[in-house]
Amino acid sequence: MPAVTESSLTLAGPGRAGRAFLRSWASAGGRVAQVITHDTPGIADGARFGGATVRGIRDGSFEATDLLIVSVPDDAIAACAEELAGRLRCAFAFHLSGALGADALAPPPRCASAGRDGIDFAW
């Protein structure tokens, strides 16, 4: 079984917790494919995140990755997941909230779409 750090990762929400996670991920040898920000990213943002592609959350579709880490305030997790709906494919999605359960990222029951090929945020 390959190491989890061999997985490609997308970070949504590069605030303090997200940046701390990225530092740990990178120091363990992990690769960050893309960082999704709330606002339109600045030209230097890619350098801040180890050369990862940096895009605004409203910038169209995103590269498929193995892992999605959502690092936004607790009350913004569901809205962030909805913003990514239909535009990001990943095998696993996690959020960094200590107060909310995994269902904070769950798609509404009417259109859940998690199959053997991964989670498709297409609700």
PDB file of N, CA and C in Angstrom:
ATOM      1  N   MET A   1       0.847  -1.177   0.000  1.00  0.00           N
ATOM      2  CA  MET A   1       0.000   0.000   0.000  1.00  0.00           C
ATOM      3  C   MET A   1       0.896   1.245   0.000  1.00  0.00           C
ATOM      4  N   PRO A   2       0.649   2.189  -0.902  1.00  0.00           N
ATOM      5  CA  PRO A   2       1.476   3.397  -0.962  1.00  0.00           C
ATOM      6  C   PRO A   2       1.243   4.287   0.255  1.00  0.00           C
ATOM      7  N   ALA A   3       2.223   5.095   0.571  1.00  0.00           N
ATOM      8  CA  ALA A   3       2.099   6.039   1.674  1.00  0.00           C
ATOM      9  C   ALA A   3       1.090   7.109   1.315  1.00  0.00           C
ATOM     10  N   VAL A   4       0.364   7.592   2.313  1.00  0.00           N
ATOM     11  CA  VAL A   4      -0.648   8.618   2.060  1.00  0.00           C
ATOM     12  C   VAL A   4      -0.013   9.886   1.496  1.00  0.00           C
ATOM     13  N   THR A   5       1.235  10.149   1.822  1.00  0.00           N
ATOM     14  CA  THR A   5       1.886  11.355   1.306  1.00  0.00           C
ATOM     15  C   THR A   5       2.185  11.269  -0.188  1.00  0.00           C
ATOM     16  N   GLU A   6       1.979  10.100  -0.794  1.00  0.00           N
ATOM     17  CA  GLU A   6       2.116   9.981  -2.241  1.00  0.00           C
ATOM     18  C   GLU A   6       0.848  10.440  -2.956  1.00  0.00           C
ATOM     19  N   SER A   7      -0.189  10.727  -2.192  1.00  0.00           N
ATOM     20  CA  SER A   7      -1.456  11.183  -2.753  1.00  0.00           C
ATOM     21  C   SER A   7      -1.371  12.658  -3.121  1.00  0.00           C
ATOM     22  N   SER A   8      -2.103  13.049  -4.152  1.00  0.00           N
ATOM     23  CA  SER A   8      -2.189  14.471  -4.485  1.00  0.00           C
ATOM     24  C   SER A   8      -3.244  15.108  -3.590  1.00  0.00           C
ATOM     25  N   LEU A   9      -3.029  16.354  -3.233  1.00  0.00           N
ATOM     26  CA  LEU A   9      -3.867  17.016  -2.245  1.00  0.00           C
ATOM     27  C   LEU A   9      -4.332  18.371  -2.752  1.00  0.00           C
ATOM     28  N   THR A  10      -5.583  18.679  -2.461  1.00  0.00           N
ATOM     29  CA  THR A  10      -6.139  20.013  -2.669  1.00  0.00           C
ATOM     30  C   THR A  10      -6.486  20.570  -1.306  1.00  0.00           C
ATOM     31  N   LEU A  11      -6.077  21.808  -1.054  1.00  0.00           N
ATOM     32  CA  LEU A  11      -6.453  22.505   0.174  1.00  0.00           C
ATOM     33  C   LEU A  11      -7.416  23.623  -0.191  1.00  0.00           C
ATOM     34  N   ALA A  12      -8.582  23.619   0.425  1.00  0.00           N
ATOM     35  CA  ALA A  12      -9.531  24.716   0.271  1.00  0.00           C
ATOM     36  C   ALA A  12      -9.510  25.495   1.583  1.00  0.00           C
ATOM     37  N   GLY A  13      -8.993  26.715   1.534  1.00  0.00           N
ATOM     38  CA  GLY A  13      -8.936  27.551   2.731  1.00  0.00           C
ATOM     39  C   GLY A  13      -7.541  27.651   3.318  1.00  0.00           C
ATOM     40  N   PRO A  14      -6.663  28.450   2.717  1.00  0.00           N
ATOM     41  CA  PRO A  14      -5.280  28.544   3.192  1.00  0.00           C
ATOM     42  C   PRO A  14      -5.073  29.552   4.322  1.00  0.00           C
ATOM     43  N   GLY A  15      -5.914  29.485   5.344  1.00  0.00           N
ATOM     44  CA  GLY A  15      -5.722  30.321   6.529  1.00  0.00           C
ATOM     45  C   GLY A  15      -4.637  29.721   7.416  1.00  0.00           C
ATOM     46  N   ARG A  16      -4.607  30.111   8.683  1.00  0.00           N
ATOM     47  CA  ARG A  16      -3.553  29.619   9.595  1.00  0.00           C
ATOM     48  C   ARG A  16      -3.552  28.104   9.734  1.00  0.00           C
ATOM     49  N   ALA A  17      -4.718  27.514   9.971  1.00  0.00           N
ATOM     50  CA  ALA A  17      -4.777  26.051  10.130  1.00  0.00           C
ATOM     51  C   ALA A  17      -4.403  25.349   8.834  1.00  0.00           C
ATOM     52  N   GLY A  18      -4.898  25.854   7.716  1.00  0.00           N
ATOM     53  CA  GLY A  18      -4.583  25.261   6.418  1.00  0.00           C
ATOM     54  C   GLY A  18      -3.102  25.338   6.104  1.00  0.00           C
ATOM     55  N   ARG A  19      -2.487  26.493   6.367  1.00  0.00           N
ATOM     56  CA  ARG A  19      -1.051  26.639   6.109  1.00  0.00           C
ATOM     57  C   ARG A  19      -0.233  25.738   7.035  1.00  0.00           C
ATOM     58  N   ALA A  20      -0.660  25.591   8.284  1.00  0.00           N
ATOM     59  CA  ALA A  20       0.038  24.691   9.214  1.00  0.00           C
ATOM     60  C   ALA A  20      -0.059  23.249   8.709  1.00  0.00           C
ATOM     61  N   PHE A  21      -1.238  22.865   8.232  1.00  0.00           N
ATOM     62  CA  PHE A  21      -1.405  21.529   7.674  1.00  0.00           C
ATOM     63  C   PHE A  21      -0.475  21.338   6.483  1.00  0.00           C
ATOM     64  N   LEU A  22      -0.425  22.326   5.580  1.00  0.00           N
ATOM     65  CA  LEU A  22       0.439  22.220   4.396  1.00  0.00           C
ATOM     66  C   LEU A  22       1.904  22.091   4.768  1.00  0.00           C
ATOM     67  N   ARG A  23       2.344  22.837   5.779  1.00  0.00           N
ATOM     68  CA  ARG A  23       3.748  22.713   6.227  1.00  0.00           C
ATOM     69  C   ARG A  23       4.033  21.294   6.704  1.00  0.00           C
ATOM     70  N   SER A  24       3.127  20.735   7.485  1.00  0.00           N
ATOM     71  CA  SER A  24       3.305  19.362   7.975  1.00  0.00           C
ATOM     72  C   SER A  24       3.292  18.368   6.823  1.00  0.00           C
ATOM     73  N   TRP A  25       2.350  18.552   5.913  1.00  0.00           N
ATOM     74  CA  TRP A  25       2.220  17.669   4.747  1.00  0.00           C
ATOM     75  C   TRP A  25       3.506  17.699   3.922  1.00  0.00           C
ATOM     76  N   ALA A  26       3.992  18.903   3.643  1.00  0.00           N
ATOM     77  CA  ALA A  26       5.206  19.051   2.837  1.00  0.00           C
ATOM     78  C   ALA A  26       6.428  18.490   3.557  1.00  0.00           C
ATOM     79  N   SER A  27       6.521  18.696   4.869  1.00  0.00           N
ATOM     80  CA  SER A  27       7.682  18.179   5.597  1.00  0.00           C
ATOM     81  C   SER A  27       7.680  16.656   5.662  1.00  0.00           C
ATOM     82  N   ALA A  28       6.498  16.047   5.493  1.00  0.00           N
ATOM     83  CA  ALA A  28       6.394  14.584   5.447  1.00  0.00           C
ATOM     84  C   ALA A  28       6.614  14.058   4.039  1.00  0.00           C
ATOM     85  N   GLY A  29       6.836  14.972   3.082  1.00  0.00           N
ATOM     86  CA  GLY A  29       7.093  14.567   1.710  1.00  0.00           C
ATOM     87  C   GLY A  29       5.877  14.598   0.813  1.00  0.00           C
ATOM     88  N   GLY A  30       4.773  15.151   1.296  1.00  0.00           N
ATOM     89  CA  GLY A  30       3.541  15.196   0.513  1.00  0.00           C
ATOM     90  C   GLY A  30       3.572  16.257  -0.570  1.00  0.00           C
ATOM     91  N   ARG A  31       2.730  16.049  -1.577  1.00  0.00           N
ATOM     92  CA  ARG A  31       2.634  16.979  -2.707  1.00  0.00           C
ATOM     93  C   ARG A  31       1.294  17.700  -2.655  1.00  0.00           C
ATOM     94  N   VAL A  32       1.367  19.005  -2.793  1.00  0.00           N
ATOM     95  CA  VAL A  32       0.151  19.815  -2.847  1.00  0.00           C
ATOM     96  C   VAL A  32      -0.093  20.182  -4.302  1.00  0.00           C
ATOM     97  N   ALA A  33      -1.196  19.708  -4.854  1.00  0.00           N
ATOM     98  CA  ALA A  33      -1.505  19.970  -6.254  1.00  0.00           C
ATOM     99  C   ALA A  33      -2.088  21.359  -6.433  1.00  0.00           C
ATOM    100  N   GLN A  34      -3.028  21.721  -5.553  1.00  0.00           N
ATOM    101  CA  GLN A  34      -3.675  23.021  -5.710  1.00  0.00           C
ATOM    102  C   GLN A  34      -4.201  23.537  -4.386  1.00  0.00           C
ATOM    103  N   VAL A  35      -4.282  24.855  -4.319  1.00  0.00           N
ATOM    104  CA  VAL A  35      -4.828  25.555  -3.164  1.00  0.00           C
ATOM    105  C   VAL A  35      -5.971  26.414  -3.685  1.00  0.00           C
ATOM    106  N   ILE A  36      -7.116  26.303  -3.020  1.00  0.00           N
ATOM    107  CA  ILE A  36      -8.286  27.071  -3.434  1.00  0.00           C
ATOM    108  C   ILE A  36      -8.536  28.138  -2.379  1.00  0.00           C
ATOM    109  N   THR A  37      -8.567  29.386  -2.823  1.00  0.00           N
ATOM    110  CA  THR A  37      -8.758  30.522  -1.924  1.00  0.00           C
ATOM    111  C   THR A  37     -10.155  31.097  -2.082  1.00  0.00           C
ATOM    112  N   HIS A  38     -10.560  31.883  -1.101  1.00  0.00           N
ATOM    113  CA  HIS A  38     -11.866  32.551  -1.161  1.00  0.00           C
ATOM    114  C   HIS A  38     -11.854  33.646  -2.212  1.00  0.00           C
ATOM    115  N   ASP A  39     -10.753  34.359  -2.276  1.00  0.00           N
ATOM    116  CA  ASP A  39     -10.622  35.478  -3.215  1.00  0.00           C
ATOM    117  C   ASP A  39      -9.770  35.065  -4.406  1.00  0.00           C
ATOM    118  N   THR A  40      -9.699  35.928  -5.384  1.00  0.00           N
ATOM    119  CA  THR A  40      -8.819  35.695  -6.520  1.00  0.00           C
ATOM    120  C   THR A  40      -7.382  35.733  -6.018  1.00  0.00           C
ATOM    121  N   PRO A  41      -6.595  34.710  -6.308  1.00  0.00           N
ATOM    122  CA  PRO A  41      -5.225  34.658  -5.789  1.00  0.00           C
ATOM    123  C   PRO A  41      -4.327  35.700  -6.439  1.00  0.00           C
ATOM    124  N   GLY A  42      -3.315  36.118  -5.671  1.00  0.00           N
ATOM    125  CA  GLY A  42      -2.314  37.033  -6.198  1.00  0.00           C
ATOM    126  C   GLY A  42      -1.259  36.269  -6.966  1.00  0.00           C
ATOM    127  N   ILE A  43      -0.466  36.973  -7.712  1.00  0.00           N
ATOM    128  CA  ILE A  43       0.535  36.344  -8.571  1.00  0.00           C
ATOM    129  C   ILE A  43       1.599  35.593  -7.779  1.00  0.00           C
ATOM    130  N   ALA A  44       1.884  36.000  -6.540  1.00  0.00           N
ATOM    131  CA  ALA A  44       2.930  35.368  -5.743  1.00  0.00           C
ATOM    132  C   ALA A  44       2.412  34.206  -4.906  1.00  0.00           C
ATOM    133  N   ASP A  45       1.104  33.954  -4.929  1.00  0.00           N
ATOM    134  CA  ASP A  45       0.550  32.925  -4.051  1.00  0.00           C
ATOM    135  C   ASP A  45       1.105  31.531  -4.305  1.00  0.00           C
ATOM    136  N   GLY A  46       1.400  31.185  -5.549  1.00  0.00           N
ATOM    137  CA  GLY A  46       1.948  29.864  -5.852  1.00  0.00           C
ATOM    138  C   GLY A  46       3.253  29.617  -5.115  1.00  0.00           C
ATOM    139  N   ALA A  47       4.090  30.616  -5.016  1.00  0.00           N
ATOM    140  CA  ALA A  47       5.360  30.474  -4.305  1.00  0.00           C
ATOM    141  C   ALA A  47       5.127  30.253  -2.818  1.00  0.00           C
ATOM    142  N   ARG A  48       4.105  30.877  -2.270  1.00  0.00           N
ATOM    143  CA  ARG A  48       3.795  30.711  -0.840  1.00  0.00           C
ATOM    144  C   ARG A  48       3.389  29.281  -0.513  1.00  0.00           C
ATOM    145  N   PHE A  49       2.901  28.549  -1.497  1.00  0.00           N
ATOM    146  CA  PHE A  49       2.397  27.201  -1.262  1.00  0.00           C
ATOM    147  C   PHE A  49       3.202  26.154  -2.013  1.00  0.00           C
ATOM    148  N   GLY A  50       4.493  26.325  -2.040  1.00  0.00           N
ATOM    149  CA  GLY A  50       5.383  25.331  -2.619  1.00  0.00           C
ATOM    150  C   GLY A  50       5.190  25.094  -4.103  1.00  0.00           C
ATOM    151  N   GLY A  51       4.756  26.105  -4.810  1.00  0.00           N
ATOM    152  CA  GLY A  51       4.570  25.967  -6.242  1.00  0.00           C
ATOM    153  C   GLY A  51       3.237  25.375  -6.649  1.00  0.00           C
ATOM    154  N   ALA A  52       2.350  25.120  -5.695  1.00  0.00           N
ATOM    155  CA  ALA A  52       1.030  24.578  -6.019  1.00  0.00           C
ATOM    156  C   ALA A  52       0.244  25.591  -6.843  1.00  0.00           C
ATOM    157  N   THR A  53      -0.650  25.097  -7.675  1.00  0.00           N
ATOM    158  CA  THR A  53      -1.563  25.967  -8.400  1.00  0.00           C
ATOM    159  C   THR A  53      -2.496  26.610  -7.385  1.00  0.00           C
ATOM    160  N   VAL A  54      -2.655  27.915  -7.461  1.00  0.00           N
ATOM    161  CA  VAL A  54      -3.545  28.632  -6.542  1.00  0.00           C
ATOM    162  C   VAL A  54      -4.653  29.272  -7.362  1.00  0.00           C
ATOM    163  N   ARG A  55      -5.903  28.973  -6.974  1.00  0.00           N
ATOM    164  CA  ARG A  55      -7.060  29.486  -7.721  1.00  0.00           C
ATOM    165  C   ARG A  55      -8.125  29.955  -6.757  1.00  0.00           C
ATOM    166  N   GLY A  56      -8.931  30.889  -7.217  1.00  0.00           N
ATOM    167  CA  GLY A  56     -10.086  31.339  -6.447  1.00  0.00           C
ATOM    168  C   GLY A  56     -11.212  30.328  -6.541  1.00  0.00           C
ATOM    169  N   ILE A  57     -12.047  30.279  -5.528  1.00  0.00           N
ATOM    170  CA  ILE A  57     -13.112  29.272  -5.468  1.00  0.00           C
ATOM    171  C   ILE A  57     -14.130  29.424  -6.599  1.00  0.00           C
ATOM    172  N   ARG A  58     -14.205  30.582  -7.201  1.00  0.00           N
ATOM    173  CA  ARG A  58     -15.161  30.793  -8.301  1.00  0.00           C
ATOM    174  C   ARG A  58     -14.516  30.680  -9.674  1.00  0.00           C
ATOM    175  N   ASP A  59     -13.317  30.108  -9.741  1.00  0.00           N
ATOM    176  CA  ASP A  59     -12.536  30.051 -10.983  1.00  0.00           C
ATOM    177  C   ASP A  59     -12.835  28.857 -11.884  1.00  0.00           C
ATOM    178  N   GLY A  60     -14.024  28.375 -11.938  1.00  0.00           N
ATOM    179  CA  GLY A  60     -14.336  27.256 -12.832  1.00  0.00           C
ATOM    180  C   GLY A  60     -14.092  25.912 -12.187  1.00  0.00           C
ATOM    181  N   SER A  61     -13.634  24.940 -12.981  1.00  0.00           N
ATOM    182  CA  SER A  61     -13.411  23.594 -12.445  1.00  0.00           C
ATOM    183  C   SER A  61     -11.972  23.447 -11.964  1.00  0.00           C
ATOM    184  N   PHE A  62     -11.735  22.397 -11.198  1.00  0.00           N
ATOM    185  CA  PHE A  62     -10.443  22.175 -10.572  1.00  0.00           C
ATOM    186  C   PHE A  62      -9.893  20.805 -10.938  1.00  0.00           C
ATOM    187  N   GLU A  63      -8.587  20.667 -10.838  1.00  0.00           N
ATOM    188  CA  GLU A  63      -7.905  19.403 -11.090  1.00  0.00           C
ATOM    189  C   GLU A  63      -8.395  18.344 -10.095  1.00  0.00           C
ATOM    190  N   ALA A  64      -8.636  17.134 -10.574  1.00  0.00           N
ATOM    191  CA  ALA A  64      -8.998  16.029  -9.681  1.00  0.00           C
ATOM    192  C   ALA A  64      -7.780  15.651  -8.843  1.00  0.00           C
ATOM    193  N   THR A  65      -7.996  15.407  -7.561  1.00  0.00           N
ATOM    194  CA  THR A  65      -6.916  14.989  -6.666  1.00  0.00           C
ATOM    195  C   THR A  65      -7.397  13.855  -5.780  1.00  0.00           C
ATOM    196  N   ASP A  66      -6.453  13.242  -5.090  1.00  0.00           N
ATOM    197  CA  ASP A  66      -6.812  12.148  -4.191  1.00  0.00           C
ATOM    198  C   ASP A  66      -7.502  12.648  -2.929  1.00  0.00           C
ATOM    199  N   LEU A  67      -6.992  13.738  -2.369  1.00  0.00           N
ATOM    200  CA  LEU A  67      -7.477  14.243  -1.085  1.00  0.00           C
ATOM    201  C   LEU A  67      -7.921  15.692  -1.188  1.00  0.00           C
ATOM    202  N   LEU A  68      -9.016  16.008  -0.524  1.00  0.00           N
ATOM    203  CA  LEU A  68      -9.467  17.386  -0.360  1.00  0.00           C
ATOM    204  C   LEU A  68      -9.467  17.679   1.130  1.00  0.00           C
ATOM    205  N   ILE A  69      -8.764  18.723   1.519  1.00  0.00           N
ATOM    206  CA  ILE A  69      -8.773  19.189   2.898  1.00  0.00           C
ATOM    207  C   ILE A  69      -9.480  20.534   2.904  1.00  0.00           C
ATOM    208  N   VAL A  70     -10.568  20.630   3.651  1.00  0.00           N
ATOM    209  CA  VAL A  70     -11.316  21.880   3.759  1.00  0.00           C
ATOM    210  C   VAL A  70     -10.940  22.522   5.087  1.00  0.00           C
ATOM    211  N   SER A  71     -10.304  23.679   5.004  1.00  0.00           N
ATOM    212  CA  SER A  71      -9.827  24.386   6.181  1.00  0.00           C
ATOM    213  C   SER A  71     -10.403  25.797   6.179  1.00  0.00           C
ATOM    214  N   VAL A  72     -11.682  25.861   6.453  1.00  0.00           N
ATOM    215  CA  VAL A  72     -12.397  27.128   6.518  1.00  0.00           C
ATOM    216  C   VAL A  72     -13.099  27.188   7.876  1.00  0.00           C
ATOM    217  N   PRO A  73     -13.605  28.361   8.284  1.00  0.00           N
ATOM    218  CA  PRO A  73     -14.350  28.415   9.551  1.00  0.00           C
ATOM    219  C   PRO A  73     -15.507  27.411   9.549  1.00  0.00           C
ATOM    220  N   ASP A  74     -15.830  26.909  10.737  1.00  0.00           N
ATOM    221  CA  ASP A  74     -16.876  25.892  10.863  1.00  0.00           C
ATOM    222  C   ASP A  74     -18.161  26.270  10.147  1.00  0.00           C
ATOM    223  N   ASP A  75     -18.578  27.529  10.282  1.00  0.00           N
ATOM    224  CA  ASP A  75     -19.845  27.930   9.682  1.00  0.00           C
ATOM    225  C   ASP A  75     -19.758  28.128   8.170  1.00  0.00           C
ATOM    226  N   ALA A  76     -18.582  27.916   7.588  1.00  0.00           N
ATOM    227  CA  ALA A  76     -18.413  28.056   6.140  1.00  0.00           C
ATOM    228  C   ALA A  76     -18.140  26.727   5.443  1.00  0.00           C
ATOM    229  N   ILE A  77     -18.056  25.623   6.186  1.00  0.00           N
ATOM    230  CA  ILE A  77     -17.714  24.329   5.589  1.00  0.00           C
ATOM    231  C   ILE A  77     -18.758  23.897   4.562  1.00  0.00           C
ATOM    232  N   ALA A  78     -20.011  23.921   4.935  1.00  0.00           N
ATOM    233  CA  ALA A  78     -21.063  23.488   4.011  1.00  0.00           C
ATOM    234  C   ALA A  78     -21.109  24.380   2.773  1.00  0.00           C
ATOM    235  N   ALA A  79     -20.976  25.678   2.962  1.00  0.00           N
ATOM    236  CA  ALA A  79     -20.991  26.605   1.822  1.00  0.00           C
ATOM    237  C   ALA A  79     -19.792  26.362   0.905  1.00  0.00           C
ATOM    238  N   CYS A  80     -18.642  26.076   1.478  1.00  0.00           N
ATOM    239  CA  CYS A  80     -17.446  25.785   0.681  1.00  0.00           C
ATOM    240  C   CYS A  80     -17.677  24.518  -0.147  1.00  0.00           C
ATOM    241  N   ALA A  81     -18.225  23.488   0.492  1.00  0.00           N
ATOM    242  CA  ALA A  81     -18.510  22.245  -0.222  1.00  0.00           C
ATOM    243  C   ALA A  81     -19.498  22.493  -1.358  1.00  0.00           C
ATOM    244  N   GLU A  82     -20.495  23.317  -1.115  1.00  0.00           N
ATOM    245  CA  GLU A  82     -21.460  23.629  -2.170  1.00  0.00           C
ATOM    246  C   GLU A  82     -20.816  24.413  -3.309  1.00  0.00           C
ATOM    247  N   GLU A  83     -19.897  25.313  -2.983  1.00  0.00           N
ATOM    248  CA  GLU A  83     -19.177  26.070  -4.024  1.00  0.00           C
ATOM    249  C   GLU A  83     -18.364  25.131  -4.926  1.00  0.00           C
ATOM    250  N   LEU A  84     -17.861  24.043  -4.341  1.00  0.00           N
ATOM    251  CA  LEU A  84     -17.046  23.099  -5.105  1.00  0.00           C
ATOM    252  C   LEU A  84     -17.894  22.072  -5.851  1.00  0.00           C
ATOM    253  N   ALA A  85     -19.180  22.097  -5.605  1.00  0.00           N
ATOM    254  CA  ALA A  85     -20.098  21.126  -6.208  1.00  0.00           C
ATOM    255  C   ALA A  85     -19.948  21.084  -7.722  1.00  0.00           C
ATOM    256  N   GLY A  86     -19.688  19.878  -8.237  1.00  0.00           N
ATOM    257  CA  GLY A  86     -19.591  19.667  -9.669  1.00  0.00           C
ATOM    258  C   GLY A  86     -18.303  20.150 -10.307  1.00  0.00           C
ATOM    259  N   ARG A  87     -17.375  20.666  -9.487  1.00  0.00           N
ATOM    260  CA  ARG A  87     -16.161  21.252 -10.059  1.00  0.00           C
ATOM    261  C   ARG A  87     -14.876  20.627  -9.527  1.00  0.00           C
ATOM    262  N   LEU A  88     -14.998  19.675  -8.608  1.00  0.00           N
ATOM    263  CA  LEU A  88     -13.811  19.039  -8.033  1.00  0.00           C
ATOM    264  C   LEU A  88     -14.101  17.579  -7.776  1.00  0.00           C
ATOM    265  N   ARG A  89     -13.186  16.717  -8.180  1.00  0.00           N
ATOM    266  CA  ARG A  89     -13.314  15.275  -7.939  1.00  0.00           C
ATOM    267  C   ARG A  89     -12.146  14.849  -7.066  1.00  0.00           C
ATOM    268  N   CYS A  90     -12.459  14.065  -6.031  1.00  0.00           N
ATOM    269  CA  CYS A  90     -11.416  13.572  -5.126  1.00  0.00           C
ATOM    270  C   CYS A  90     -11.830  12.207  -4.585  1.00  0.00           C
ATOM    271  N   ALA A  91     -10.852  11.462  -4.084  1.00  0.00           N
ATOM    272  CA  ALA A  91     -11.139  10.152  -3.501  1.00  0.00           C
ATOM    273  C   ALA A  91     -11.637  10.280  -2.062  1.00  0.00           C
ATOM    274  N   PHE A  92     -11.085  11.250  -1.318  1.00  0.00           N
ATOM    275  CA  PHE A  92     -11.442  11.449   0.084  1.00  0.00           C
ATOM    276  C   PHE A  92     -11.513  12.935   0.380  1.00  0.00           C
ATOM    277  N   ALA A  93     -12.456  13.324   1.228  1.00  0.00           N
ATOM    278  CA  ALA A  93     -12.580  14.726   1.637  1.00  0.00           C
ATOM    279  C   ALA A  93     -12.628  14.790   3.159  1.00  0.00           C
ATOM    280  N   PHE A  94     -11.901  15.751   3.715  1.00  0.00           N
ATOM    281  CA  PHE A  94     -11.830  15.948   5.158  1.00  0.00           C
ATOM    282  C   PHE A  94     -11.969  17.435   5.455  1.00  0.00           C
ATOM    283  N   HIS A  95     -12.430  17.760   6.651  1.00  0.00           N
ATOM    284  CA  HIS A  95     -12.374  19.143   7.102  1.00  0.00           C
ATOM    285  C   HIS A  95     -11.610  19.162   8.419  1.00  0.00           C
ATOM    286  N   LEU A  96     -11.114  20.329   8.792  1.00  0.00           N
ATOM    287  CA  LEU A  96     -10.268  20.443   9.980  1.00  0.00           C
ATOM    288  C   LEU A  96     -11.021  20.904  11.223  1.00  0.00           C
ATOM    289  N   SER A  97     -12.336  20.949  11.159  1.00  0.00           N
ATOM    290  CA  SER A  97     -13.117  21.366  12.320  1.00  0.00           C
ATOM    291  C   SER A  97     -13.063  20.304  13.406  1.00  0.00           C
ATOM    292  N   GLY A  98     -12.888  20.755  14.627  1.00  0.00           N
ATOM    293  CA  GLY A  98     -12.946  19.823  15.755  1.00  0.00           C
ATOM    294  C   GLY A  98     -14.349  19.728  16.322  1.00  0.00           C
ATOM    295  N   ALA A  99     -15.252  20.581  15.863  1.00  0.00           N
ATOM    296  CA  ALA A  99     -16.591  20.640  16.431  1.00  0.00           C
ATOM    297  C   ALA A  99     -17.655  19.982  15.560  1.00  0.00           C
ATOM    298  N   LEU A 100     -17.353  19.767  14.289  1.00  0.00           N
ATOM    299  CA  LEU A 100     -18.349  19.219  13.367  1.00  0.00           C
ATOM    300  C   LEU A 100     -17.971  17.823  12.908  1.00  0.00           C
ATOM    301  N   GLY A 101     -18.976  17.052  12.558  1.00  0.00           N
ATOM    302  CA  GLY A 101     -18.742  15.704  12.059  1.00  0.00           C
ATOM    303  C   GLY A 101     -18.488  15.698  10.560  1.00  0.00           C
ATOM    304  N   ALA A 102     -18.217  14.519  10.040  1.00  0.00           N
ATOM    305  CA  ALA A 102     -17.926  14.361   8.620  1.00  0.00           C
ATOM    306  C   ALA A 102     -19.116  14.742   7.751  1.00  0.00           C
ATOM    307  N   ASP A 103     -20.318  14.675   8.303  1.00  0.00           N
ATOM    308  CA  ASP A 103     -21.504  14.997   7.514  1.00  0.00           C
ATOM    309  C   ASP A 103     -21.552  16.464   7.090  1.00  0.00           C
ATOM    310  N   ALA A 104     -20.700  17.303   7.659  1.00  0.00           N
ATOM    311  CA  ALA A 104     -20.639  18.709   7.234  1.00  0.00           C
ATOM    312  C   ALA A 104     -20.241  18.814   5.765  1.00  0.00           C
ATOM    313  N   LEU A 105     -19.553  17.798   5.240  1.00  0.00           N
ATOM    314  CA  LEU A 105     -19.137  17.784   3.838  1.00  0.00           C
ATOM    315  C   LEU A 105     -20.050  16.938   2.962  1.00  0.00           C
ATOM    316  N   ALA A 106     -21.014  16.296   3.586  1.00  0.00           N
ATOM    317  CA  ALA A 106     -21.870  15.363   2.841  1.00  0.00           C
ATOM    318  C   ALA A 106     -22.762  16.102   1.866  1.00  0.00           C
ATOM    319  N   PRO A 107     -22.895  15.563   0.663  1.00  0.00           N
ATOM    320  CA  PRO A 107     -23.831  16.168  -0.288  1.00  0.00           C
ATOM    321  C   PRO A 107     -25.261  15.917   0.177  1.00  0.00           C
ATOM    322  N   PRO A 108     -26.181  16.767  -0.231  1.00  0.00           N
ATOM    323  CA  PRO A 108     -27.587  16.520   0.118  1.00  0.00           C
ATOM    324  C   PRO A 108     -28.027  15.149  -0.388  1.00  0.00           C
ATOM    325  N   PRO A 109     -28.890  14.466   0.344  1.00  0.00           N
ATOM    326  CA  PRO A 109     -29.293  13.100  -0.014  1.00  0.00           C
ATOM    327  C   PRO A 109     -29.836  12.958  -1.433  1.00  0.00           C
ATOM    328  N   ARG A 110     -30.441  13.988  -1.998  1.00  0.00           N
ATOM    329  CA  ARG A 110     -31.063  13.871  -3.313  1.00  0.00           C
ATOM    330  C   ARG A 110     -30.066  13.605  -4.427  1.00  0.00           C
ATOM    331  N   CYS A 111     -28.792  13.841  -4.168  1.00  0.00           N
ATOM    332  CA  CYS A 111     -27.849  13.645  -5.266  1.00  0.00           C
ATOM    333  C   CYS A 111     -26.469  13.228  -4.778  1.00  0.00           C
ATOM    334  N   ALA A 112     -26.395  12.433  -3.743  1.00  0.00           N
ATOM    335  CA  ALA A 112     -25.109  11.928  -3.276  1.00  0.00           C
ATOM    336  C   ALA A 112     -24.427  11.170  -4.394  1.00  0.00           C
ATOM    337  N   SER A 113     -23.141  11.363  -4.535  1.00  0.00           N
ATOM    338  CA  SER A 113     -22.430  10.736  -5.641  1.00  0.00           C
ATOM    339  C   SER A 113     -21.045  10.298  -5.187  1.00  0.00           C
ATOM    340  N   ALA A 114     -20.981   9.249  -4.405  1.00  0.00           N
ATOM    341  CA  ALA A 114     -19.698   8.723  -3.973  1.00  0.00           C
ATOM    342  C   ALA A 114     -19.620   7.276  -4.450  1.00  0.00           C
ATOM    343  N   GLY A 115     -18.738   7.019  -5.372  1.00  0.00           N
ATOM    344  CA  GLY A 115     -18.599   5.682  -5.912  1.00  0.00           C
ATOM    345  C   GLY A 115     -17.177   5.198  -5.763  1.00  0.00           C
ATOM    346  N   ARG A 116     -16.877   4.075  -6.394  1.00  0.00           N
ATOM    347  CA  ARG A 116     -15.543   3.500  -6.245  1.00  0.00           C
ATOM    348  C   ARG A 116     -14.470   4.358  -6.902  1.00  0.00           C
ATOM    349  N   ASP A 117     -14.871   5.296  -7.760  1.00  0.00           N
ATOM    350  CA  ASP A 117     -13.908   6.176  -8.406  1.00  0.00           C
ATOM    351  C   ASP A 117     -13.663   7.440  -7.585  1.00  0.00           C
ATOM    352  N   GLY A 118     -14.336   7.596  -6.484  1.00  0.00           N
ATOM    353  CA  GLY A 118     -14.114   8.757  -5.628  1.00  0.00           C
ATOM    354  C   GLY A 118     -15.381   9.570  -5.406  1.00  0.00           C
ATOM    355  N   ILE A 119     -15.193  10.688  -4.756  1.00  0.00           N
ATOM    356  CA  ILE A 119     -16.290  11.581  -4.441  1.00  0.00           C
ATOM    357  C   ILE A 119     -16.358  12.625  -5.531  1.00  0.00           C
ATOM    358  N   ASP A 120     -17.519  12.796  -6.085  1.00  0.00           N
ATOM    359  CA  ASP A 120     -17.712  13.827  -7.076  1.00  0.00           C
ATOM    360  C   ASP A 120     -18.634  14.861  -6.460  1.00  0.00           C
ATOM    361  N   PHE A 121     -18.094  16.011  -6.162  1.00  0.00           N
ATOM    362  CA  PHE A 121     -18.906  17.059  -5.560  1.00  0.00           C
ATOM    363  C   PHE A 121     -19.828  17.624  -6.629  1.00  0.00           C
ATOM    364  N   ALA A 122     -20.860  16.850  -6.961  1.00  0.00           N
ATOM    365  CA  ALA A 122     -21.768  17.221  -8.051  1.00  0.00           C
ATOM    366  C   ALA A 122     -23.201  17.204  -7.569  1.00  0.00           C
ATOM    367  N   TRP A 123     -23.493  17.951  -6.549  1.00  0.00           N
ATOM    368  CA  TRP A 123     -24.878  17.964  -6.070  1.00  0.00           C
ATOM    369  C   TRP A 123     -25.538  19.272  -6.348  1.00  0.00           C
TER     370      TRP A 123
END
